[in-house]
Protein backbone atom coordinates (compact mmCIF):
# COMPACT_ATOMS: atom_id res chain seq x y z
CA UNK A 1 -5.24 39.58 -9.34
CA UNK A 2 -8.22 38.74 -7.17
CA UNK A 3 -9.63 36.58 -9.97
CA UNK A 4 -6.60 34.30 -9.80
CA UNK A 5 -7.27 33.77 -6.10
CA UNK A 6 -10.98 33.13 -6.70
CA UNK A 7 -10.21 30.73 -9.55
CA UNK A 8 -7.69 28.86 -7.41
CA UNK A 9 -10.14 28.67 -4.49
CA UNK A 10 -12.94 27.31 -6.69
CA UNK A 11 -10.64 24.76 -8.35
CA UNK A 12 -9.05 23.45 -5.14
CA UNK A 13 -12.43 23.19 -3.39
CA UNK A 14 -13.93 21.34 -6.33
CA UNK A 15 -11.00 18.91 -6.46
CA UNK A 16 -11.24 18.32 -2.70
CA UNK A 17 -14.99 17.70 -2.92
CA UNK A 18 -14.43 15.17 -5.73
CA UNK A 19 -11.66 13.45 -3.72
CA UNK A 20 -14.10 12.89 -0.85
CA UNK A 21 -16.65 11.45 -3.29
CA UNK A 22 -14.10 9.12 -4.86
CA UNK A 23 -12.89 7.92 -1.47
CA UNK A 24 -16.45 7.23 -0.32
CA UNK A 25 -17.16 5.22 -3.47
CA UNK A 26 -13.98 3.20 -3.01
CA UNK A 27 -14.81 2.63 0.67
CA UNK A 28 -18.17 1.14 -0.30
CA UNK A 29 -16.56 -1.02 -3.00
CA UNK A 30 -13.93 -2.25 -0.56
CA UNK A 31 -16.60 -3.11 2.02
CA UNK A 32 -18.63 -5.05 -0.56
CA UNK A 33 -15.49 -6.84 -1.76
CA UNK A 34 -14.63 -7.87 1.80
CA UNK A 35 -18.16 -9.25 2.30
CA UNK A 36 -18.04 -11.19 -0.96
CA UNK A 37 -14.75 -12.85 -0.02
CA UNK A 38 -16.36 -14.52 2.98
CA UNK A 39 -13.71 -13.46 5.52
CA UNK A 40 -11.42 -16.31 6.32
CA UNK A 41 -12.52 -18.62 3.52
CA UNK A 42 -9.95 -19.33 0.86
CA UNK A 43 -11.56 -18.95 -2.49
CA UNK A 44 -10.38 -18.75 -6.05
CA UNK A 45 -10.48 -15.14 -7.20
CA UNK A 46 -12.04 -14.67 -10.57
CA UNK A 47 -11.44 -11.74 -12.86
CA UNK A 48 -14.58 -10.08 -11.51
CA UNK A 49 -13.51 -10.36 -7.87
CA UNK A 50 -10.33 -8.35 -8.10
CA UNK A 51 -9.64 -6.06 -5.20
CA UNK A 52 -11.06 -2.56 -5.59
CA UNK A 53 -8.81 0.38 -6.29
CA UNK A 54 -6.92 1.69 -3.27
CA UNK A 55 -8.51 4.29 -1.02
CA UNK A 56 -7.33 7.88 -0.92
CA UNK A 57 -5.14 8.33 2.17
CA UNK A 58 -6.50 10.57 4.93
CA UNK A 59 -3.25 12.53 4.71
CA UNK A 60 -4.09 13.43 1.10
CA UNK A 61 -7.57 14.60 2.10
CA UNK A 62 -6.10 16.82 4.82
CA UNK A 63 -3.44 18.23 2.48
CA UNK A 64 -6.13 19.14 -0.06
CA UNK A 65 -8.04 20.94 2.69
CA UNK A 66 -4.94 22.76 3.95
CA UNK A 67 -4.13 23.92 0.41
CA UNK A 68 -7.42 25.82 0.41
CA UNK A 69 -10.07 23.13 -0.02
CA UNK A 70 -11.56 23.16 3.46
CA UNK A 71 -14.99 24.27 2.24
CA UNK A 72 -14.96 21.53 -0.41
CA UNK A 73 -13.88 19.02 2.25
CA UNK A 74 -16.71 20.00 4.59
CA UNK A 75 -19.19 19.90 1.71
CA UNK A 76 -17.90 16.46 0.68
CA UNK A 77 -18.25 15.22 4.25
CA UNK A 78 -21.84 16.43 4.36
CA UNK A 79 -22.95 15.33 0.89
CA UNK A 80 -21.27 11.92 0.86
CA UNK A 81 -21.59 11.29 4.63
CA UNK A 82 -17.91 10.44 4.59
CA UNK A 83 -15.43 10.71 7.48
CA UNK A 84 -18.12 12.28 9.66
CA UNK A 85 -17.50 9.91 12.59
CA UNK A 86 -13.77 10.60 12.75
CA UNK A 87 -12.99 13.32 15.27
CA UNK A 88 -9.92 14.42 13.33
CA UNK A 89 -12.14 15.30 10.37
CA UNK A 90 -15.16 16.49 12.33
CA UNK A 91 -13.05 19.03 14.24
CA UNK A 92 -10.04 19.40 11.95
CA UNK A 93 -11.79 20.64 8.81
CA UNK A 94 -13.65 23.50 10.54
CA UNK A 95 -10.43 24.43 12.35
CA UNK A 96 -8.55 24.56 9.06
CA UNK A 97 -11.32 26.76 7.60
CA UNK A 98 -11.16 29.18 10.55
CA UNK A 99 -7.37 29.42 10.24
CA UNK A 100 -7.64 30.04 6.49
CA UNK A 101 -10.24 32.76 7.05
CA UNK A 102 -7.98 34.37 9.65
CA UNK A 103 -5.06 34.38 7.20
CA UNK A 104 -7.27 35.93 4.50
CA UNK A 105 -8.51 38.56 6.97
CA UNK A 106 -4.97 39.52 7.96
CA UNK A 107 -3.89 39.60 4.31
CA UNK A 108 -6.74 41.92 3.38
CA UNK A 109 -6.98 44.16 6.45
CA UNK A 110 -3.73 43.63 8.33
CA UNK A 111 -3.33 43.24 12.04
CA UNK A 112 -5.07 45.79 14.28
CA UNK A 113 -2.86 48.67 15.50
CA UNK A 114 -2.29 48.98 19.20
């Protein structure tokens, strides 16, 4: 039974880490696309200048972390230097991790008797 939990934890953290990497890549592509358009200039868009793929919503990144991927999220933030300036991520991801660890602790050892 424990191996199912470990497998789930590894999978969800890996997926969350990859989501952060994908979003960082798309953020860079979007920034480069904006620069190439010349902001405010009307220009014919060629096949090569199509808009980049849409970014991954912050809500999706948080949901992935809440579903058990908080370690993957924090690793993705550190490795890709992504969302590190946003207070919601800088404080939210560690908070989610602490809450998840507390839930695991209570599940394994129960609440202390008084």
